[in-house]
Amino acid sequence: MIREKMRASQSCQKSYHDKRRKDLEFQEGDNVFLRVTSTTGVGRALKSRKLTSRFIGPFQILKRVGKVAYRIVLPPSLANLHD
């Protein structure tokens, strides 16, 4: 009985999530922003995390590598950030 209710609840939550989600696809030549994380260390010169930028860019897409992976044009200062 509990498992049935858990499954019903999970399927309901999944349907709510799927209604709002849309898959993003980009074309070659589109401009995109990169999310800055604490592991990349890019743009984290300030001590306050509130004031640091969350995204950097825009950068142009060169080609699509995988289903959700793209190769982008990065400046020389960020060349070692992504492959």
PDB file of N, CA and C in Angstrom:
ATOM      1  N   MET A   1       0.815  -1.186   0.000  1.00  0.00           N
ATOM      2  CA  MET A   1       0.000   0.000   0.000  1.00  0.00           C
ATOM      3  C   MET A   1       0.867   1.262   0.000  1.00  0.00           C
ATOM      4  N   ILE A   2       1.898   1.285   0.806  1.00  0.00           N
ATOM      5  CA  ILE A   2       2.770   2.457   0.855  1.00  0.00           C
ATOM      6  C   ILE A   2       3.515   2.611  -0.462  1.00  0.00           C
ATOM      7  N   ARG A   3       3.964   1.498  -1.024  1.00  0.00           N
ATOM      8  CA  ARG A   3       4.683   1.559  -2.305  1.00  0.00           C
ATOM      9  C   ARG A   3       3.800   2.081  -3.424  1.00  0.00           C
ATOM     10  N   GLU A   4       2.544   1.686  -3.420  1.00  0.00           N
ATOM     11  CA  GLU A   4       1.615   2.176  -4.441  1.00  0.00           C
ATOM     12  C   GLU A   4       1.442   3.687  -4.322  1.00  0.00           C
ATOM     13  N   LYS A   5       1.316   4.165  -3.107  1.00  0.00           N
ATOM     14  CA  LYS A   5       1.165   5.614  -2.898  1.00  0.00           C
ATOM     15  C   LYS A   5       2.436   6.364  -3.279  1.00  0.00           C
ATOM     16  N   MET A   6       3.593   5.754  -2.994  1.00  0.00           N
ATOM     17  CA  MET A   6       4.870   6.366  -3.390  1.00  0.00           C
ATOM     18  C   MET A   6       4.976   6.449  -4.910  1.00  0.00           C
ATOM     19  N   ARG A   7       4.605   5.370  -5.598  1.00  0.00           N
ATOM     20  CA  ARG A   7       4.645   5.377  -7.070  1.00  0.00           C
ATOM     21  C   ARG A   7       3.696   6.423  -7.634  1.00  0.00           C
ATOM     22  N   ALA A   8       2.502   6.516  -7.072  1.00  0.00           N
ATOM     23  CA  ALA A   8       1.531   7.504  -7.537  1.00  0.00           C
ATOM     24  C   ALA A   8       2.057   8.918  -7.322  1.00  0.00           C
ATOM     25  N   SER A   9       2.651   9.151  -6.172  1.00  0.00           N
ATOM     26  CA  SER A   9       3.208  10.467  -5.878  1.00  0.00           C
ATOM     27  C   SER A   9       4.368  10.798  -6.817  1.00  0.00           C
ATOM     28  N   GLN A  10       5.239   9.827  -7.057  1.00  0.00           N
ATOM     29  CA  GLN A  10       6.376  10.050  -7.951  1.00  0.00           C
ATOM     30  C   GLN A  10       5.924  10.318  -9.372  1.00  0.00           C
ATOM     31  N   SER A  11       4.932   9.577  -9.850  1.00  0.00           N
ATOM     32  CA  SER A  11       4.459   9.807 -11.219  1.00  0.00           C
ATOM     33  C   SER A  11       3.791  11.175 -11.341  1.00  0.00           C
ATOM     34  N   CYS A  12       3.112  11.595 -10.288  1.00  0.00           N
ATOM     35  CA  CYS A  12       2.490  12.919 -10.295  1.00  0.00           C
ATOM     36  C   CYS A  12       3.557  14.010 -10.338  1.00  0.00           C
ATOM     37  N   GLN A  13       4.584  13.883  -9.521  1.00  0.00           N
ATOM     38  CA  GLN A  13       5.672  14.858  -9.516  1.00  0.00           C
ATOM     39  C   GLN A  13       6.411  14.863 -10.847  1.00  0.00           C
ATOM     40  N   LYS A  14       6.596  13.691 -11.450  1.00  0.00           N
ATOM     41  CA  LYS A  14       7.271  13.600 -12.744  1.00  0.00           C
ATOM     42  C   LYS A  14       6.462  14.321 -13.821  1.00  0.00           C
ATOM     43  N   SER A  15       5.148  14.161 -13.790  1.00  0.00           N
ATOM     44  CA  SER A  15       4.322  14.842 -14.791  1.00  0.00           C
ATOM     45  C   SER A  15       4.387  16.360 -14.618  1.00  0.00           C
ATOM     46  N   TYR A  16       4.430  16.849 -13.369  1.00  0.00           N
ATOM     47  CA  TYR A  16       4.579  18.287 -13.139  1.00  0.00           C
ATOM     48  C   TYR A  16       5.913  18.788 -13.688  1.00  0.00           C
ATOM     49  N   HIS A  17       6.953  18.024 -13.458  1.00  0.00           N
ATOM     50  CA  HIS A  17       8.287  18.413 -13.926  1.00  0.00           C
ATOM     51  C   HIS A  17       8.352  18.403 -15.447  1.00  0.00           C
ATOM     52  N   ASP A  18       7.805  17.372 -16.071  1.00  0.00           N
ATOM     53  CA  ASP A  18       7.879  17.242 -17.523  1.00  0.00           C
ATOM     54  C   ASP A  18       7.074  18.316 -18.243  1.00  0.00           C
ATOM     55  N   LYS A  19       6.028  18.839 -17.618  1.00  0.00           N
ATOM     56  CA  LYS A  19       5.238  19.897 -18.242  1.00  0.00           C
ATOM     57  C   LYS A  19       6.045  21.178 -18.399  1.00  0.00           C
ATOM     58  N   ARG A  20       6.899  21.468 -17.433  1.00  0.00           N
ATOM     59  CA  ARG A  20       7.637  22.728 -17.434  1.00  0.00           C
ATOM     60  C   ARG A  20       8.981  22.633 -18.121  1.00  0.00           C
ATOM     61  N   ARG A  21       9.468  21.428 -18.379  1.00  0.00           N
ATOM     62  CA  ARG A  21      10.801  21.245 -18.943  1.00  0.00           C
ATOM     63  C   ARG A  21      10.731  21.248 -20.461  1.00  0.00           C
ATOM     64  N   LYS A  22      11.677  21.929 -21.080  1.00  0.00           N
ATOM     65  CA  LYS A  22      11.790  21.877 -22.534  1.00  0.00           C
ATOM     66  C   LYS A  22      13.257  21.665 -22.883  1.00  0.00           C
ATOM     67  N   ASP A  23      13.491  20.844 -23.868  1.00  0.00           N
ATOM     68  CA  ASP A  23      14.851  20.558 -24.291  1.00  0.00           C
ATOM     69  C   ASP A  23      15.383  21.716 -25.123  1.00  0.00           C
ATOM     70  N   LEU A  24      16.595  22.131 -24.818  1.00  0.00           N
ATOM     71  CA  LEU A  24      17.226  23.214 -25.554  1.00  0.00           C
ATOM     72  C   LEU A  24      18.148  22.633 -26.616  1.00  0.00           C
ATOM     73  N   GLU A  25      18.045  23.155 -27.807  1.00  0.00           N
ATOM     74  CA  GLU A  25      18.957  22.772 -28.873  1.00  0.00           C
ATOM     75  C   GLU A  25      19.488  24.043 -29.501  1.00  0.00           C
ATOM     76  N   PHE A  26      20.777  24.037 -29.774  1.00  0.00           N
ATOM     77  CA  PHE A  26      21.434  25.192 -30.355  1.00  0.00           C
ATOM     78  C   PHE A  26      21.965  24.835 -31.732  1.00  0.00           C
ATOM     79  N   GLN A  27      22.114  25.836 -32.567  1.00  0.00           N
ATOM     80  CA  GLN A  27      22.666  25.656 -33.905  1.00  0.00           C
ATOM     81  C   GLN A  27      24.078  26.211 -33.935  1.00  0.00           C
ATOM     82  N   GLU A  28      24.838  25.803 -34.947  1.00  0.00           N
ATOM     83  CA  GLU A  28      26.181  26.354 -35.125  1.00  0.00           C
ATOM     84  C   GLU A  28      26.064  27.847 -35.394  1.00  0.00           C
ATOM     85  N   GLY A  29      26.895  28.620 -34.725  1.00  0.00           N
ATOM     86  CA  GLY A  29      26.858  30.065 -34.876  1.00  0.00           C
ATOM     87  C   GLY A  29      26.059  30.774 -33.797  1.00  0.00           C
ATOM     88  N   ASP A  30      25.273  30.041 -33.020  1.00  0.00           N
ATOM     89  CA  ASP A  30      24.536  30.647 -31.907  1.00  0.00           C
ATOM     90  C   ASP A  30      25.506  31.078 -30.814  1.00  0.00           C
ATOM     91  N   ASN A  31      25.113  32.067 -30.046  1.00  0.00           N
ATOM     92  CA  ASN A  31      25.914  32.521 -28.912  1.00  0.00           C
ATOM     93  C   ASN A  31      25.308  31.989 -27.622  1.00  0.00           C
ATOM     94  N   VAL A  32      26.171  31.479 -26.736  1.00  0.00           N
ATOM     95  CA  VAL A  32      25.724  30.915 -25.466  1.00  0.00           C
ATOM     96  C   VAL A  32      26.572  31.463 -24.330  1.00  0.00           C
ATOM     97  N   PHE A  33      26.039  31.390 -23.129  1.00  0.00           N
ATOM     98  CA  PHE A  33      26.765  31.757 -21.923  1.00  0.00           C
ATOM     99  C   PHE A  33      27.199  30.490 -21.206  1.00  0.00           C
ATOM    100  N   LEU A  34      28.341  30.560 -20.510  1.00  0.00           N
ATOM    101  CA  LEU A  34      28.830  29.446 -19.701  1.00  0.00           C
ATOM    102  C   LEU A  34      28.576  29.748 -18.239  1.00  0.00           C
ATOM    103  N   ARG A  35      28.121  28.742 -17.503  1.00  0.00           N
ATOM    104  CA  ARG A  35      27.906  28.895 -16.068  1.00  0.00           C
ATOM    105  C   ARG A  35      29.251  28.801 -15.357  1.00  0.00           C
ATOM    106  N   VAL A  36      29.494  29.731 -14.459  1.00  0.00           N
ATOM    107  CA  VAL A  36      30.723  29.736 -13.673  1.00  0.00           C
ATOM    108  C   VAL A  36      30.451  28.986 -12.376  1.00  0.00           C
ATOM    109  N   THR A  37      31.277  27.996 -12.078  1.00  0.00           N
ATOM    110  CA  THR A  37      31.140  27.244 -10.834  1.00  0.00           C
ATOM    111  C   THR A  37      32.360  27.486  -9.961  1.00  0.00           C
ATOM    112  N   SER A  38      32.290  27.036  -8.744  1.00  0.00           N
ATOM    113  CA  SER A  38      33.418  27.225  -7.834  1.00  0.00           C
ATOM    114  C   SER A  38      34.625  26.398  -8.262  1.00  0.00           C
ATOM    115  N   THR A  39      34.419  25.328  -9.011  1.00  0.00           N
ATOM    116  CA  THR A  39      35.539  24.495  -9.446  1.00  0.00           C
ATOM    117  C   THR A  39      36.303  25.119 -10.602  1.00  0.00           C
ATOM    118  N   THR A  40      35.638  25.929 -11.431  1.00  0.00           N
ATOM    119  CA  THR A  40      36.345  26.549 -12.551  1.00  0.00           C
ATOM    120  C   THR A  40      37.207  27.702 -12.083  1.00  0.00           C
ATOM    121  N   GLY A  41      36.742  28.458 -11.101  1.00  0.00           N
ATOM    122  CA  GLY A  41      37.519  29.565 -10.571  1.00  0.00           C
ATOM    123  C   GLY A  41      37.547  30.787 -11.460  1.00  0.00           C
ATOM    124  N   VAL A  42      36.792  30.794 -12.534  1.00  0.00           N
ATOM    125  CA  VAL A  42      36.766  31.931 -13.445  1.00  0.00           C
ATOM    126  C   VAL A  42      35.846  33.001 -12.873  1.00  0.00           C
ATOM    127  N   GLY A  43      36.325  34.225 -12.800  1.00  0.00           N
ATOM    128  CA  GLY A  43      35.508  35.335 -12.336  1.00  0.00           C
ATOM    129  C   GLY A  43      35.249  35.337 -10.849  1.00  0.00           C
ATOM    130  N   ARG A  44      36.045  34.648 -10.078  1.00  0.00           N
ATOM    131  CA  ARG A  44      35.838  34.568  -8.629  1.00  0.00           C
ATOM    132  C   ARG A  44      36.862  35.401  -7.872  1.00  0.00           C
ATOM    133  N   ALA A  45      37.124  36.612  -8.326  1.00  0.00           N
ATOM    134  CA  ALA A  45      38.126  37.460  -7.687  1.00  0.00           C
ATOM    135  C   ALA A  45      37.593  38.087  -6.401  1.00  0.00           C
ATOM    136  N   LEU A  46      36.294  38.287  -6.318  1.00  0.00           N
ATOM    137  CA  LEU A  46      35.711  38.916  -5.137  1.00  0.00           C
ATOM    138  C   LEU A  46      35.443  37.880  -4.049  1.00  0.00           C
ATOM    139  N   LYS A  47      35.538  38.303  -2.799  1.00  0.00           N
ATOM    140  CA  LYS A  47      35.272  37.377  -1.699  1.00  0.00           C
ATOM    141  C   LYS A  47      33.779  37.102  -1.553  1.00  0.00           C
ATOM    142  N   SER A  48      32.965  38.102  -1.834  1.00  0.00           N
ATOM    143  CA  SER A  48      31.529  37.940  -1.694  1.00  0.00           C
ATOM    144  C   SER A  48      30.976  37.180  -2.890  1.00  0.00           C
ATOM    145  N   ARG A  49      30.319  36.067  -2.630  1.00  0.00           N
ATOM    146  CA  ARG A  49      29.759  35.284  -3.724  1.00  0.00           C
ATOM    147  C   ARG A  49      28.532  35.956  -4.331  1.00  0.00           C
ATOM    148  N   LYS A  50      27.902  36.857  -3.592  1.00  0.00           N
ATOM    149  CA  LYS A  50      26.732  37.548  -4.115  1.00  0.00           C
ATOM    150  C   LYS A  50      27.081  38.433  -5.304  1.00  0.00           C
ATOM    151  N   LEU A  51      28.276  39.011  -5.281  1.00  0.00           N
ATOM    152  CA  LEU A  51      28.634  39.996  -6.291  1.00  0.00           C
ATOM    153  C   LEU A  51      29.386  39.415  -7.484  1.00  0.00           C
ATOM    154  N   THR A  52      29.752  38.153  -7.431  1.00  0.00           N
ATOM    155  CA  THR A  52      30.484  37.564  -8.551  1.00  0.00           C
ATOM    156  C   THR A  52      29.509  37.152  -9.641  1.00  0.00           C
ATOM    157  N   SER A  53      29.999  37.101 -10.859  1.00  0.00           N
ATOM    158  CA  SER A  53      29.143  36.744 -11.983  1.00  0.00           C
ATOM    159  C   SER A  53      28.862  35.247 -11.976  1.00  0.00           C
ATOM    160  N   ARG A  54      27.667  34.890 -12.411  1.00  0.00           N
ATOM    161  CA  ARG A  54      27.296  33.477 -12.465  1.00  0.00           C
ATOM    162  C   ARG A  54      27.506  32.900 -13.856  1.00  0.00           C
ATOM    163  N   PHE A  55      27.518  33.749 -14.857  1.00  0.00           N
ATOM    164  CA  PHE A  55      27.712  33.312 -16.234  1.00  0.00           C
ATOM    165  C   PHE A  55      28.783  34.175 -16.882  1.00  0.00           C
ATOM    166  N   ILE A  56      29.507  33.599 -17.825  1.00  0.00           N
ATOM    167  CA  ILE A  56      30.475  34.353 -18.612  1.00  0.00           C
ATOM    168  C   ILE A  56      30.137  34.140 -20.077  1.00  0.00           C
ATOM    169  N   GLY A  57      30.491  35.116 -20.883  1.00  0.00           N
ATOM    170  CA  GLY A  57      30.221  34.962 -22.310  1.00  0.00           C
ATOM    171  C   GLY A  57      29.652  36.232 -22.871  1.00  0.00           C
ATOM    172  N   PRO A  58      29.085  36.202 -24.016  1.00  0.00           N
ATOM    173  CA  PRO A  58      28.670  35.062 -24.827  1.00  0.00           C
ATOM    174  C   PRO A  58      29.818  34.483 -25.653  1.00  0.00           C
ATOM    175  N   PHE A  59      29.706  33.196 -25.946  1.00  0.00           N
ATOM    176  CA  PHE A  59      30.665  32.493 -26.784  1.00  0.00           C
ATOM    177  C   PHE A  59      29.916  31.842 -27.934  1.00  0.00           C
ATOM    178  N   GLN A  60      30.579  31.756 -29.071  1.00  0.00           N
ATOM    179  CA  GLN A  60      29.944  31.218 -30.269  1.00  0.00           C
ATOM    180  C   GLN A  60      30.136  29.707 -30.348  1.00  0.00           C
ATOM    181  N   ILE A  61      29.108  29.006 -30.806  1.00  0.00           N
ATOM    182  CA  ILE A  61      29.165  27.551 -30.962  1.00  0.00           C
ATOM    183  C   ILE A  61      29.809  27.216 -32.295  1.00  0.00           C
ATOM    184  N   LEU A  62      30.834  26.356 -32.251  1.00  0.00           N
ATOM    185  CA  LEU A  62      31.488  25.895 -33.477  1.00  0.00           C
ATOM    186  C   LEU A  62      30.749  24.720 -34.095  1.00  0.00           C
ATOM    187  N   LYS A  63      30.548  23.662 -33.289  1.00  0.00           N
ATOM    188  CA  LYS A  63      29.837  22.494 -33.805  1.00  0.00           C
ATOM    189  C   LYS A  63      29.246  21.706 -32.656  1.00  0.00           C
ATOM    190  N   ARG A  64      28.330  20.843 -33.019  1.00  0.00           N
ATOM    191  CA  ARG A  64      27.700  19.963 -32.036  1.00  0.00           C
ATOM    192  C   ARG A  64      28.506  18.676 -31.952  1.00  0.00           C
ATOM    193  N   VAL A  65      28.908  18.298 -30.748  1.00  0.00           N
ATOM    194  CA  VAL A  65      29.757  17.125 -30.554  1.00  0.00           C
ATOM    195  C   VAL A  65      28.925  15.907 -30.176  1.00  0.00           C
ATOM    196  N   GLY A  66      27.961  16.085 -29.303  1.00  0.00           N
ATOM    197  CA  GLY A  66      27.112  14.989 -28.839  1.00  0.00           C
ATOM    198  C   GLY A  66      25.673  15.444 -28.764  1.00  0.00           C
ATOM    199  N   LYS A  67      24.877  14.670 -28.029  1.00  0.00           N
ATOM    200  CA  LYS A  67      23.463  15.003 -27.920  1.00  0.00           C
ATOM    201  C   LYS A  67      23.244  16.333 -27.199  1.00  0.00           C
ATOM    202  N   VAL A  68      24.019  16.576 -26.155  1.00  0.00           N
ATOM    203  CA  VAL A  68      23.909  17.835 -25.409  1.00  0.00           C
ATOM    204  C   VAL A  68      25.261  18.514 -25.244  1.00  0.00           C
ATOM    205  N   ALA A  69      26.245  18.130 -26.055  1.00  0.00           N
ATOM    206  CA  ALA A  69      27.596  18.695 -25.949  1.00  0.00           C
ATOM    207  C   ALA A  69      27.913  19.502 -27.199  1.00  0.00           C
ATOM    208  N   TYR A  70      28.537  20.649 -26.978  1.00  0.00           N
ATOM    209  CA  TYR A  70      28.883  21.546 -28.073  1.00  0.00           C
ATOM    210  C   TYR A  70      30.325  21.998 -27.927  1.00  0.00           C
ATOM    211  N   ARG A  71      30.978  22.243 -29.059  1.00  0.00           N
ATOM    212  CA  ARG A  71      32.319  22.823 -29.045  1.00  0.00           C
ATOM    213  C   ARG A  71      32.145  24.315 -29.294  1.00  0.00           C
ATOM    214  N   ILE A  72      32.728  25.134 -28.410  1.00  0.00           N
ATOM    215  CA  ILE A  72      32.553  26.580 -28.500  1.00  0.00           C
ATOM    216  C   ILE A  72      33.900  27.260 -28.668  1.00  0.00           C
ATOM    217  N   VAL A  73      33.849  28.501 -29.137  1.00  0.00           N
ATOM    218  CA  VAL A  73      35.053  29.309 -29.316  1.00  0.00           C
ATOM    219  C   VAL A  73      35.359  29.986 -27.983  1.00  0.00           C
ATOM    220  N   LEU A  74      36.511  29.672 -27.402  1.00  0.00           N
ATOM    221  CA  LEU A  74      36.928  30.281 -26.142  1.00  0.00           C
ATOM    222  C   LEU A  74      38.130  31.177 -26.375  1.00  0.00           C
ATOM    223  N   PRO A  75      38.240  32.284 -25.643  1.00  0.00           N
ATOM    224  CA  PRO A  75      39.432  33.128 -25.748  1.00  0.00           C
ATOM    225  C   PRO A  75      40.644  32.387 -25.176  1.00  0.00           C
ATOM    226  N   PRO A  76      41.856  32.829 -25.514  1.00  0.00           N
ATOM    227  CA  PRO A  76      43.062  32.142 -25.018  1.00  0.00           C
ATOM    228  C   PRO A  76      43.147  32.058 -23.494  1.00  0.00           C
ATOM    229  N   SER A  77      42.587  33.021 -22.792  1.00  0.00           N
ATOM    230  CA  SER A  77      42.649  32.979 -21.327  1.00  0.00           C
ATOM    231  C   SER A  77      41.811  31.840 -20.740  1.00  0.00           C
ATOM    232  N   LEU A  78      40.833  31.358 -21.490  1.00  0.00           N
ATOM    233  CA  LEU A  78      39.974  30.265 -21.019  1.00  0.00           C
ATOM    234  C   LEU A  78      40.186  28.977 -21.807  1.00  0.00           C
ATOM    235  N   ALA A  79      41.276  28.883 -22.546  1.00  0.00           N
ATOM    236  CA  ALA A  79      41.486  27.734 -23.424  1.00  0.00           C
ATOM    237  C   ALA A  79      41.569  26.415 -22.665  1.00  0.00           C
ATOM    238  N   ASN A  80      42.054  26.423 -21.429  1.00  0.00           N
ATOM    239  CA  ASN A  80      42.171  25.176 -20.680  1.00  0.00           C
ATOM    240  C   ASN A  80      40.926  24.857 -19.851  1.00  0.00           C
ATOM    241  N   LEU A  81      39.870  25.634 -19.987  1.00  0.00           N
ATOM    242  CA  LEU A  81      38.663  25.440 -19.195  1.00  0.00           C
ATOM    243  C   LEU A  81      37.883  24.212 -19.636  1.00  0.00           C
ATOM    244  N   HIS A  82      37.644  24.073 -20.926  1.00  0.00           N
ATOM    245  CA  HIS A  82      36.897  22.943 -21.481  1.00  0.00           C
ATOM    246  C   HIS A  82      37.663  22.381 -22.653  1.00  0.00           C
ATOM    247  N   ASP A  83      37.366  21.119 -22.962  1.00  0.00           N
ATOM    248  CA  ASP A  83      37.960  20.493 -24.141  1.00  0.00           C
ATOM    249  C   ASP A  83      36.905  20.314 -25.200  1.00  0.00           C
TER     250      ASP A  83
END
